[in-house]
């Protein structure tokens, strides 16, 4: 008769079944509070368009502008490109360090960084394409604004990409928002190359050299400077326009893990730890060569068509062919990747090798369009493959090491850091080779040594880099894909990290507010800890 009326065992018996649903239902459920509206996803995707528009325009047309319109010596152009890429690479860890330690404002913790960078990056991009009245210090002018643009673009992109984690607690909705972002960024890449190319196409027509009676540099026409300024203004306006839509349509939610952040390793300590992981090292080294080859191919295609072949009238169409082929072939390569494996998909990068050599030998319009289409397919798989292999490397690392949260971010950020550095070195050295070959800025007709150098840069250099990267990738052992039991163990370990973070967050409050619920919560942590360690 004393047992039934006892009220203390009843709450303790009912609390354990209820409490486990609290931590697990919020991250993985599709409950209405965690769902994102179509407008929110669309506005979030639009926020990433400006960086892709500007990056696409600079990747294809900046080098041509600096050499033929600004008429800067090739050695100074090499310094401009190298300095800009290095500043963008160096800004990655700096942005992560500063943003991670910033306090939450009324509009959130990440949104102020995006909005604060917007006016400055728009101005930096516009002046990057502006022709100053003086000629002696133009190299310094463009180096300054290109470094500013690359650094500010990083400070814009890092918080924008991290904003995905603060949109909702549902992983499914985060994946959906990421899909919207990737779709809009692909559209921005196409729009950037198309709009910029259409506006400035009149600056590089055949009529430019009709009145040039003597060899040497041709005076820059006012129409060319005006067209490039208009194109720069059109792209620069996308930054405030898209940022306003991002601010109006997206609401940043508080991050519950912010009070307990800082328990993980620092960036340098984590970088030294990940650098000693052989699969990650071989993956990074292989794609350093491959990504550098792709950047060289993109940068010198326009110069090759303008000065080493009679394809200057097809530049815009060839650029669009590459981008459309890359966008349309991405779903195909994703299917091949899951159906035949990641190593088999890597041979898709090799497909472009014989075609770029063919273009260097036979620079005709039909061959150029075939090469552009095949190159777009290879570029798509070269961008998709490393981001597909990195999670396997991270999972394999987590199986052999016991560390807290944050190492996944270090893996990804360090990969981006080294990729940017490799692109900086490849573009800087290759542009310097034009100086040694005798490239004359602004000239309508270049020397034969320059034509041969452009053919080597468009054919032999990417071929050697791609073959080197693929050899390293094929020789290195494939990271083991986690099995179902291993994936469950990794999920339990990550769940344990979130539970411990939540425990530290609620520790000062829960024992006083709900003692029985707190006892049940400690029981669940102990049970998950024992199961995970077993």
Protein backbone atom coordinates (compact mmCIF):
# COMPACT_ATOMS: atom_id res chain seq x y z
CA UNK A 1 0.00 0.00 0.00
CA UNK A 2 3.04 2.32 0.45
CA UNK A 3 4.36 1.81 -3.13
CA UNK A 4 1.46 2.98 -5.33
CA UNK A 5 0.98 6.45 -3.88
CA UNK A 6 4.72 7.18 -4.05
CA UNK A 7 5.06 10.08 -6.51
CA UNK A 8 8.82 10.15 -6.85
CA UNK A 9 9.40 7.00 -8.98
CA UNK A 10 6.71 7.96 -11.50
CA UNK A 11 8.38 11.08 -12.95
CA UNK A 12 11.72 9.31 -13.08
CA UNK A 13 10.19 6.42 -14.98
CA UNK A 14 8.41 8.66 -17.48
CA UNK A 15 11.21 11.15 -17.99
CA UNK A 16 13.77 8.88 -19.71
CA UNK A 17 11.44 7.99 -22.65
CA UNK A 18 10.59 11.67 -23.24
CA UNK A 19 14.01 13.24 -22.89
CA UNK A 20 15.92 11.44 -25.69
CA UNK A 21 13.51 12.89 -28.24
CA UNK A 22 14.42 16.44 -27.27
CA UNK A 23 18.00 16.43 -28.60
CA UNK A 24 17.31 14.16 -31.58
CA UNK A 25 14.00 15.50 -32.85
CA UNK A 26 15.25 19.06 -33.29
CA UNK A 27 18.25 18.36 -35.54
CA UNK A 28 16.68 15.71 -37.72
CA UNK A 29 12.95 16.22 -37.74
CA UNK A 30 10.82 17.94 -40.33
CA UNK A 31 8.60 19.60 -37.76
CA UNK A 32 7.01 22.85 -38.82
CA UNK A 33 9.21 25.11 -36.64
CA UNK A 34 12.29 23.73 -38.44
CA UNK A 35 10.98 24.08 -41.97
CA UNK A 36 12.17 26.85 -44.28
CA UNK A 37 9.83 28.57 -46.66
CA UNK A 38 10.47 28.76 -50.39
CA UNK A 39 11.07 32.50 -50.07
CA UNK A 40 13.73 31.97 -47.39
CA UNK A 41 15.59 29.36 -49.44
CA UNK A 42 15.39 31.50 -52.57
CA UNK A 43 16.67 34.62 -50.81
CA UNK A 44 19.46 32.62 -49.23
CA UNK A 45 20.49 31.27 -52.64
CA UNK A 46 20.40 34.75 -54.17
CA UNK A 47 22.85 35.94 -51.51
CA UNK A 48 25.65 33.89 -53.05
CA UNK A 49 25.14 35.11 -56.62
CA UNK A 50 27.35 38.27 -56.54
CA UNK A 51 30.57 36.48 -55.61
CA UNK A 52 30.07 33.92 -58.37
CA UNK A 53 29.23 36.59 -60.95
CA UNK A 54 32.36 38.57 -60.07
CA UNK A 55 34.61 35.49 -59.84
CA UNK A 56 33.47 34.22 -63.22
CA UNK A 57 34.13 37.59 -64.90
CA UNK A 58 37.59 37.96 -63.36
CA UNK A 59 38.60 34.37 -64.11
CA UNK A 60 38.08 34.76 -67.85
CA UNK A 61 38.59 38.46 -68.61
CA UNK A 62 40.80 40.14 -65.97
CA UNK A 63 44.10 39.03 -67.49
CA UNK A 64 43.07 40.23 -70.95
CA UNK A 65 41.96 43.57 -69.50
CA UNK A 66 45.22 44.14 -67.62
CA UNK A 67 47.40 43.28 -70.63
CA UNK A 68 45.52 44.82 -73.56
CA UNK A 69 43.39 47.62 -72.06
CA UNK A 70 45.33 48.78 -69.00
CA UNK A 71 48.52 47.85 -70.93
CA UNK A 72 50.45 46.76 -67.87
CA UNK A 73 53.67 44.78 -68.47
CA UNK A 74 53.27 41.03 -68.08
CA UNK A 75 55.62 40.97 -65.09
CA UNK A 76 53.38 43.41 -63.21
CA UNK A 77 50.28 41.42 -64.21
CA UNK A 78 51.96 38.35 -62.71
CA UNK A 79 52.46 40.29 -59.48
CA UNK A 80 48.83 41.47 -59.48
CA UNK A 81 47.38 37.97 -59.98
CA UNK A 82 49.73 36.34 -57.48
CA UNK A 83 49.17 38.98 -54.81
CA UNK A 84 45.40 38.86 -55.18
CA UNK A 85 45.20 35.07 -54.93
CA UNK A 86 47.53 34.99 -51.91
CA UNK A 87 45.50 37.68 -50.13
CA UNK A 88 42.35 35.65 -50.72
CA UNK A 89 44.01 32.52 -49.36
CA UNK A 90 45.39 34.33 -46.30
CA UNK A 91 41.98 35.84 -45.57
CA UNK A 92 40.38 32.40 -45.09
CA UNK A 93 41.86 31.55 -41.66
CA UNK A 94 41.73 35.21 -40.61
CA UNK A 95 38.03 35.42 -41.45
CA UNK A 96 37.29 32.21 -39.60
CA UNK A 97 39.24 33.42 -36.55
CA UNK A 98 37.55 36.83 -36.36
CA UNK A 99 34.03 35.65 -37.18
CA UNK A 100 34.24 32.81 -34.67
CA UNK A 101 35.05 35.33 -31.92
CA UNK A 102 32.53 37.99 -32.87
CA UNK A 103 29.52 38.70 -30.68
CA UNK A 104 25.93 38.38 -31.75
CA UNK A 105 24.28 41.62 -32.89
CA UNK A 106 20.59 42.36 -33.39
CA UNK A 107 20.71 40.99 -36.94
CA UNK A 108 22.70 37.93 -35.87
CA UNK A 109 26.33 36.89 -35.61
CA UNK A 110 27.11 36.21 -39.27
CA UNK A 111 24.76 38.56 -41.12
CA UNK A 112 26.59 41.77 -39.99
CA UNK A 113 29.78 40.49 -41.65
CA UNK A 114 27.99 39.88 -44.95
CA UNK A 115 26.23 43.25 -44.89
CA UNK A 116 29.32 45.11 -43.69
CA UNK A 117 31.51 43.80 -46.52
CA UNK A 118 28.94 44.54 -49.23
CA UNK A 119 29.62 48.24 -50.01
CA UNK A 120 33.39 47.88 -49.79
CA UNK A 121 33.59 44.82 -52.03
CA UNK A 122 31.34 46.53 -54.60
CA UNK A 123 33.66 49.56 -54.69
CA UNK A 124 36.79 47.38 -54.83
CA UNK A 125 35.37 45.43 -57.78
CA UNK A 126 34.41 48.57 -59.70
CA UNK A 127 37.84 50.20 -59.30
CA UNK A 128 39.49 46.90 -60.30
CA UNK A 129 38.16 47.51 -63.84
CA UNK A 130 38.58 51.31 -63.81
CA UNK A 131 41.36 52.84 -65.92
CA UNK A 132 43.14 55.54 -63.87
CA UNK A 133 44.47 58.65 -65.69
CA UNK A 134 48.09 57.99 -64.67
CA UNK A 135 50.22 55.25 -66.27
CA UNK A 136 53.30 54.88 -64.07
CA UNK A 137 51.56 53.36 -61.02
CA UNK A 138 48.81 51.35 -62.70
CA UNK A 139 50.36 48.08 -61.57
CA UNK A 140 50.17 49.18 -57.94
CA UNK A 141 46.60 50.43 -58.46
CA UNK A 142 45.32 47.11 -59.75
CA UNK A 143 47.34 45.08 -57.24
CA UNK A 144 45.78 47.06 -54.39
CA UNK A 145 42.20 46.69 -55.55
CA UNK A 146 42.59 43.04 -56.59
CA UNK A 147 43.98 42.18 -53.14
CA UNK A 148 41.13 44.11 -51.53
CA UNK A 149 38.57 42.38 -53.72
CA UNK A 150 39.90 38.88 -53.00
CA UNK A 151 40.17 39.51 -49.25
CA UNK A 152 36.72 41.09 -48.97
CA UNK A 153 35.21 38.34 -51.12
CA UNK A 154 36.52 35.82 -48.59
CA UNK A 155 35.09 37.81 -45.68
CA UNK A 156 31.79 37.85 -47.58
CA UNK A 157 31.75 34.16 -48.53
CA UNK A 158 32.85 32.59 -45.22
CA UNK A 159 29.96 33.91 -43.07
CA UNK A 160 27.51 33.48 -45.93
CA UNK A 161 28.37 29.79 -46.33
CA UNK A 162 28.37 29.26 -42.54
CA UNK A 163 24.91 30.86 -42.37
CA UNK A 164 23.47 27.50 -43.48
CA UNK A 165 23.99 26.12 -39.98
CA UNK A 166 21.96 28.95 -38.43
CA UNK A 167 18.98 28.85 -40.79
CA UNK A 168 17.33 25.86 -39.14
CA UNK A 169 18.09 22.89 -36.91
CA UNK A 170 16.83 20.37 -39.48
CA UNK A 171 19.61 18.74 -41.56
CA UNK A 172 17.14 18.02 -44.34
CA UNK A 173 16.18 21.67 -44.61
CA UNK A 174 19.85 22.66 -44.51
CA UNK A 175 20.54 20.32 -47.43
CA UNK A 176 17.61 21.86 -49.29
CA UNK A 177 18.91 25.39 -48.64
CA UNK A 178 22.38 24.30 -49.81
CA UNK A 179 20.85 22.93 -53.03
CA UNK A 180 19.20 26.32 -53.64
CA UNK A 181 22.53 28.02 -52.98
CA UNK A 182 24.46 25.79 -55.39
CA UNK A 183 21.81 26.24 -58.08
CA UNK A 184 21.86 30.01 -57.79
CA UNK A 185 25.66 30.10 -57.69
CA UNK A 186 25.84 28.05 -60.90
CA UNK A 187 23.39 30.48 -62.49
CA UNK A 188 25.54 33.37 -61.24
CA UNK A 189 28.63 31.83 -62.84
CA UNK A 190 26.86 31.68 -66.19
CA UNK A 191 25.39 35.17 -65.87
CA UNK A 192 28.73 36.69 -64.86
CA UNK A 193 30.63 35.38 -67.87
CA UNK A 194 27.75 36.07 -70.26
CA UNK A 195 26.86 39.61 -69.18
CA UNK A 196 30.45 40.79 -68.76
CA UNK A 197 31.49 39.20 -72.06
CA UNK A 198 28.58 40.67 -74.01
CA UNK A 199 29.25 44.18 -72.71
CA UNK A 200 33.01 44.21 -73.36
CA UNK A 201 32.93 42.26 -76.64
CA UNK A 202 33.10 45.51 -78.62
CA UNK A 203 36.40 46.43 -76.98
CA UNK A 204 38.32 43.54 -78.57
CA UNK A 205 36.87 43.37 -82.07
CA UNK A 206 38.86 43.15 -85.28
CA UNK A 207 38.25 46.86 -85.96
CA UNK A 208 40.56 47.68 -83.07
CA UNK A 209 43.67 46.92 -85.17
CA UNK A 210 42.46 48.09 -88.58
CA UNK A 211 43.94 51.56 -88.20
CA UNK A 212 47.21 50.35 -86.65
CA UNK A 213 49.77 51.04 -89.37
CA UNK A 214 52.85 50.44 -87.24
CA UNK A 215 53.62 47.50 -84.97
CA UNK A 216 53.53 48.10 -81.26
CA UNK A 217 50.96 49.03 -78.66
CA UNK A 218 47.67 50.46 -79.87
CA UNK A 219 46.17 53.43 -78.06
CA UNK A 220 43.29 52.46 -75.80
CA UNK A 221 40.02 53.74 -77.21
CA UNK A 222 37.57 55.55 -74.93
CA UNK A 223 34.93 53.01 -75.93
CA UNK A 224 36.97 50.17 -74.42
CA UNK A 225 37.38 51.90 -71.06
CA UNK A 226 33.71 52.89 -71.05
CA UNK A 227 32.54 49.35 -71.82
CA UNK A 228 34.66 47.84 -69.05
CA UNK A 229 33.42 50.47 -66.58
CA UNK A 230 29.81 49.68 -67.50
CA UNK A 231 30.40 45.95 -67.08
CA UNK A 232 32.07 46.54 -63.71
CA UNK A 233 29.19 48.75 -62.54
CA UNK A 234 26.59 46.14 -63.56
CA UNK A 235 28.37 43.39 -61.61
CA UNK A 236 29.08 45.66 -58.62
CA UNK A 237 25.39 46.56 -58.28
CA UNK A 238 24.54 42.89 -57.72
CA UNK A 239 26.27 43.00 -54.31
CA UNK A 240 23.95 45.51 -52.57
CA UNK A 241 20.88 44.23 -54.46
CA UNK A 242 21.39 40.58 -53.52
CA UNK A 243 22.53 41.42 -49.99
CA UNK A 244 19.31 43.37 -49.39
CA UNK A 245 17.25 40.37 -50.55
CA UNK A 246 19.32 38.12 -48.29
CA UNK A 247 18.72 40.39 -45.30
CA UNK A 248 14.99 40.74 -45.97
CA UNK A 249 14.29 37.07 -46.66
CA UNK A 250 16.62 35.26 -44.24
CA UNK A 251 16.49 35.35 -40.47
CA UNK A 252 19.53 34.10 -38.61
CA UNK A 253 18.62 31.91 -35.65
CA UNK A 254 20.67 31.89 -32.44
CA UNK A 255 23.39 29.25 -32.29
CA UNK A 256 23.04 27.25 -29.05
CA UNK A 257 26.60 25.99 -29.31
CA UNK A 258 28.13 29.48 -29.23
CA UNK A 259 28.52 29.71 -25.42
CA UNK A 260 30.48 26.47 -25.33
CA UNK A 261 32.60 27.07 -28.43
CA UNK A 262 36.30 27.27 -28.04
CA UNK A 263 36.70 23.80 -26.55
CA UNK A 264 38.09 22.45 -29.81
CA UNK A 265 41.58 22.81 -31.19
CA UNK A 266 42.94 26.03 -32.62
CA UNK A 267 43.37 26.35 -36.36
CA UNK A 268 47.16 25.92 -36.32
CA UNK A 269 47.02 22.96 -33.92
CA UNK A 270 44.30 21.30 -35.97
CA UNK A 271 46.18 22.03 -39.20
CA UNK A 272 49.35 20.37 -37.91
CA UNK A 273 47.27 17.37 -36.83
CA UNK A 274 45.44 16.97 -40.14
CA UNK A 275 48.66 17.48 -42.12
CA UNK A 276 50.00 14.27 -40.58
CA UNK A 277 47.07 12.25 -41.97
CA UNK A 278 48.46 10.57 -45.15
CA UNK A 279 45.15 10.18 -47.08
CA UNK A 280 44.41 13.87 -46.62
CA UNK A 281 47.92 14.90 -47.64
CA UNK A 282 47.77 12.87 -50.87
CA UNK A 283 44.29 14.14 -51.68
CA UNK A 284 45.34 17.77 -51.21
CA UNK A 285 48.58 17.41 -53.19
CA UNK A 286 46.85 15.70 -56.10
CA UNK A 287 44.14 18.34 -56.39
CA UNK A 288 46.67 21.15 -56.00
CA UNK A 289 48.00 20.16 -59.42
CA UNK A 290 44.56 19.50 -60.91
CA UNK A 291 42.96 22.75 -59.69
CA UNK A 292 46.01 24.76 -60.81
CA UNK A 293 45.71 23.19 -64.27
CA UNK A 294 42.03 24.14 -64.49
CA UNK A 295 42.76 27.74 -63.46
CA UNK A 296 45.56 28.06 -66.03
CA UNK A 297 43.26 26.66 -68.73
CA UNK A 298 40.52 29.16 -67.86
CA UNK A 299 42.82 32.17 -67.60
CA UNK A 300 44.67 31.68 -70.88
CA UNK A 301 41.79 30.57 -73.09
CA UNK A 302 40.77 34.14 -73.93
CA UNK A 303 44.37 35.25 -74.52
CA UNK A 304 44.99 32.20 -76.72
CA UNK A 305 41.92 32.89 -78.84
CA UNK A 306 42.89 36.58 -79.17
CA UNK A 307 46.61 36.37 -79.98
CA UNK A 308 47.51 32.77 -80.91
CA UNK A 309 44.60 31.91 -83.20
CA UNK A 310 41.90 33.55 -85.29
CA UNK A 311 39.17 32.84 -82.74
CA UNK A 312 38.71 36.29 -81.22
CA UNK A 313 35.15 36.43 -82.61
CA UNK A 314 34.28 33.17 -80.82
CA UNK A 315 35.56 34.04 -77.34
CA UNK A 316 32.16 34.75 -75.83
CA UNK A 317 30.58 31.63 -77.31
CA UNK A 318 33.47 29.41 -76.20
CA UNK A 319 33.31 30.69 -72.61
CA UNK A 320 29.56 30.06 -72.48
CA UNK A 321 30.05 26.57 -73.96
CA UNK A 322 32.48 25.69 -71.17
CA UNK A 323 30.18 26.93 -68.43
CA UNK A 324 26.98 25.40 -69.83
CA UNK A 325 28.75 22.07 -70.33
CA UNK A 326 30.03 22.16 -66.73
CA UNK A 327 26.59 22.91 -65.31
CA UNK A 328 24.73 20.33 -67.40
CA UNK A 329 27.26 17.55 -66.83
CA UNK A 330 27.35 17.91 -63.03
CA UNK A 331 24.32 15.60 -62.43
CA UNK A 332 25.81 13.06 -64.85
CA UNK A 333 29.12 12.99 -63.01
CA UNK A 334 27.34 12.71 -59.69
CA UNK A 335 25.57 9.58 -61.00
CA UNK A 336 28.85 8.16 -62.33
CA UNK A 337 30.51 8.88 -59.01
CA UNK A 338 27.91 6.88 -57.05
CA UNK A 339 27.55 4.15 -59.67
CA UNK A 340 31.18 3.40 -60.59
CA UNK A 341 33.17 4.87 -57.70
CA UNK A 342 35.29 7.93 -57.15
CA UNK A 343 38.50 6.62 -58.68
CA UNK A 344 36.71 5.77 -61.90
CA UNK A 345 35.18 9.26 -61.97
CA UNK A 346 38.66 10.77 -61.71
CA UNK A 347 39.38 9.62 -65.27
CA UNK A 348 36.81 12.19 -66.39
CA UNK A 349 39.44 14.85 -65.65
CA UNK A 350 41.83 13.12 -68.05
CA UNK A 351 39.32 13.40 -70.91
CA UNK A 352 40.27 17.01 -71.60
CA UNK A 353 44.00 16.24 -72.00
CA UNK A 354 44.05 15.05 -75.65
CA UNK A 355 41.58 17.74 -76.66
CA UNK A 356 43.57 20.69 -75.28
CA UNK A 357 46.64 19.35 -77.09
CA UNK A 358 44.56 19.13 -80.27
CA UNK A 359 43.45 22.76 -79.82
CA UNK A 360 47.06 23.93 -79.48
CA UNK A 361 48.00 22.10 -82.70
CA UNK A 362 44.83 22.76 -84.74
CA UNK A 363 43.30 26.06 -83.51
CA UNK A 364 40.17 26.07 -85.65
CA UNK A 365 36.62 26.98 -84.64
CA UNK A 366 35.08 23.45 -84.81
CA UNK A 367 37.93 22.01 -82.76
CA UNK A 368 37.67 24.88 -80.27
CA UNK A 369 33.97 24.24 -79.60
CA UNK A 370 34.56 20.51 -79.09
CA UNK A 371 37.42 21.30 -76.72
CA UNK A 372 35.26 23.81 -74.84
CA UNK A 373 32.47 21.26 -74.38
CA UNK A 374 34.82 18.50 -73.19
CA UNK A 375 36.74 20.91 -70.95
CA UNK A 376 33.49 21.93 -69.28
CA UNK A 377 32.77 18.29 -68.45
CA UNK A 378 36.25 17.80 -67.00
CA UNK A 379 35.98 21.01 -64.98
CA UNK A 380 32.70 19.76 -63.50
CA UNK A 381 34.18 16.49 -62.24
CA UNK A 382 37.33 18.25 -60.99
CA UNK A 383 35.15 20.51 -58.83
CA UNK A 384 32.81 17.74 -57.67
CA UNK A 385 35.32 15.00 -56.85
CA UNK A 386 37.40 16.59 -54.03
CA UNK A 387 34.29 17.67 -52.10
CA UNK A 388 33.01 14.11 -52.43
CA UNK A 389 36.26 12.51 -51.24
CA UNK A 390 36.90 14.88 -48.33
CA UNK A 391 34.06 13.47 -46.13
CA UNK A 392 35.54 9.96 -46.49
CA UNK A 393 38.94 11.26 -45.41
CA UNK A 394 37.40 13.07 -42.43
CA UNK A 395 35.44 9.97 -41.37
CA UNK A 396 38.54 7.80 -41.59
CA UNK A 397 40.44 10.35 -39.51
CA UNK A 398 37.70 10.42 -36.87
CA UNK A 399 37.78 6.63 -36.58
CA UNK A 400 41.45 6.66 -35.60
CA UNK A 401 41.53 9.82 -33.47
CA UNK A 402 39.58 11.07 -30.49
CA UNK A 403 39.09 14.82 -30.81
CA UNK A 404 36.41 17.37 -30.15
CA UNK A 405 34.42 19.39 -32.70
CA UNK A 406 36.01 21.70 -35.21
CA UNK A 407 38.37 19.41 -37.11
CA UNK A 408 35.90 19.01 -39.98
CA UNK A 409 36.07 22.77 -40.53
CA UNK A 410 39.88 22.68 -40.47
CA UNK A 411 39.94 19.93 -43.11
CA UNK A 412 37.75 21.97 -45.47
CA UNK A 413 39.24 25.40 -44.81
CA UNK A 414 42.83 24.18 -45.16
CA UNK A 415 41.94 22.50 -48.47
CA UNK A 416 40.55 25.81 -49.78
CA UNK A 417 43.62 27.63 -48.43
CA UNK A 418 46.12 25.39 -50.23
CA UNK A 419 44.05 25.33 -53.42
CA UNK A 420 44.11 29.13 -53.59
CA UNK A 421 47.85 29.16 -52.98
CA UNK A 422 48.44 26.69 -55.80
CA UNK A 423 46.34 28.80 -58.16
CA UNK A 424 48.31 31.90 -57.15
CA UNK A 425 51.63 30.21 -57.89
CA UNK A 426 50.48 28.72 -61.20
CA UNK A 427 49.01 31.98 -62.52
CA UNK A 428 51.92 34.07 -61.29
CA UNK A 429 54.62 31.89 -62.85
CA UNK A 430 52.73 31.35 -66.12
CA UNK A 431 52.09 35.08 -66.57
CA UNK A 432 55.75 35.76 -65.86
CA UNK A 433 56.63 33.40 -68.71
CA UNK A 434 54.81 35.77 -71.08
CA UNK A 435 57.18 38.53 -69.97
CA UNK A 436 60.18 36.37 -70.78
CA UNK A 437 58.67 35.50 -74.17
CA UNK A 438 58.43 39.21 -75.04
CA UNK A 439 54.70 39.87 -74.67
CA UNK A 440 53.97 43.48 -75.64
CA UNK A 441 51.01 44.90 -73.76
CA UNK A 442 48.36 46.40 -76.03
CA UNK A 443 49.92 45.21 -79.27
CA UNK A 444 47.68 43.89 -82.03
CA UNK A 445 50.20 41.30 -83.19
CA UNK A 446 52.49 39.44 -80.83
CA UNK A 447 55.85 37.86 -81.58
CA UNK A 448 56.10 34.22 -82.57
CA UNK A 449 57.67 33.34 -79.21
CA UNK A 450 54.55 34.65 -77.46
CA UNK A 451 52.29 32.55 -79.70
CA UNK A 452 54.32 29.43 -78.91
CA UNK A 453 54.22 30.26 -75.18
CA UNK A 454 50.43 30.62 -75.26
CA UNK A 455 50.13 27.25 -77.02
CA UNK A 456 52.31 25.66 -74.34
CA UNK A 457 50.26 27.29 -71.57
CA UNK A 458 46.96 26.14 -73.09
CA UNK A 459 48.14 22.60 -73.92
CA UNK A 460 51.32 21.22 -72.38
CA UNK A 461 51.15 22.89 -68.95
CA UNK A 462 47.60 21.74 -68.02
CA UNK A 463 48.40 18.27 -69.42
CA UNK A 464 51.47 17.81 -67.22
CA UNK A 465 49.67 19.11 -64.13
CA UNK A 466 46.62 16.90 -64.65
CA UNK A 467 48.70 13.79 -65.25
CA UNK A 468 50.81 14.49 -62.14
CA UNK A 469 47.74 15.01 -59.98
CA UNK A 470 45.98 11.90 -61.29
CA UNK A 471 49.10 9.76 -60.73
CA UNK A 472 49.28 10.88 -57.10
CA UNK A 473 45.55 10.29 -56.67
CA UNK A 474 45.67 6.79 -58.18
CA UNK A 475 48.79 5.66 -56.32
CA UNK A 476 47.45 6.76 -52.93
CA UNK A 477 45.21 4.28 -51.09
CA UNK A 478 41.50 4.97 -51.30
CA UNK A 479 39.98 6.15 -47.98
CA UNK A 480 37.76 3.47 -46.56
CA UNK A 481 34.09 4.34 -46.92
CA UNK A 482 32.48 3.82 -43.49
CA UNK A 483 30.19 0.82 -43.23
CA UNK A 484 26.74 1.01 -41.71
CA UNK A 485 28.03 0.07 -38.24
CA UNK A 486 30.92 2.50 -38.54
CA UNK A 487 28.61 5.28 -39.68
CA UNK A 488 26.37 4.58 -36.70
CA UNK A 489 29.40 4.79 -34.40
CA UNK A 490 30.48 8.11 -35.91
CA UNK A 491 26.94 9.45 -35.60
CA UNK A 492 26.83 8.42 -31.95
CA UNK A 493 30.14 10.12 -31.35
CA UNK A 494 28.95 13.37 -32.95
CA UNK A 495 25.66 13.08 -31.05
CA UNK A 496 27.65 12.68 -27.85
CA UNK A 497 29.51 15.91 -28.60
CA UNK A 498 26.21 17.79 -29.05
CA UNK A 499 24.80 16.24 -25.86
CA UNK A 500 27.85 17.27 -23.85
CA UNK A 501 27.67 20.80 -25.30
CA UNK A 502 23.99 20.96 -24.36
CA UNK A 503 24.80 19.66 -20.90
CA UNK A 504 27.34 22.47 -20.35
CA UNK A 505 24.82 25.00 -21.64
CA UNK A 506 22.01 23.86 -19.34
CA UNK A 507 24.15 23.05 -16.32
CA UNK A 508 23.53 26.28 -14.36
CA UNK A 509 19.75 26.24 -14.96
CA UNK A 510 18.33 22.73 -15.15
CA UNK A 511 19.04 21.42 -11.62
CA UNK A 512 17.05 24.31 -10.15
CA UNK A 513 14.18 24.35 -12.65
CA UNK A 514 13.45 20.65 -13.20
CA UNK A 515 15.47 18.31 -10.95
CA UNK A 516 13.79 15.10 -12.16
CA UNK A 517 14.24 16.03 -15.85
CA UNK A 518 17.89 16.91 -15.16
CA UNK A 519 18.43 13.50 -13.55
CA UNK A 520 16.96 11.83 -16.64
CA UNK A 521 19.18 13.94 -18.93
CA UNK A 522 22.33 12.91 -17.02
CA UNK A 523 21.21 9.29 -17.30
CA UNK A 524 20.89 9.59 -21.09
CA UNK A 525 24.39 11.10 -21.38
CA UNK A 526 25.83 8.28 -19.29
CA UNK A 527 24.03 5.66 -21.37
CA UNK A 528 25.17 7.12 -24.71
CA UNK A 529 28.73 7.52 -23.41
CA UNK A 530 28.89 3.90 -22.31
CA UNK A 531 27.42 2.65 -25.61
CA UNK A 532 29.78 4.79 -27.71
CA UNK A 533 32.90 3.73 -25.83
CA UNK A 534 31.85 0.09 -26.01
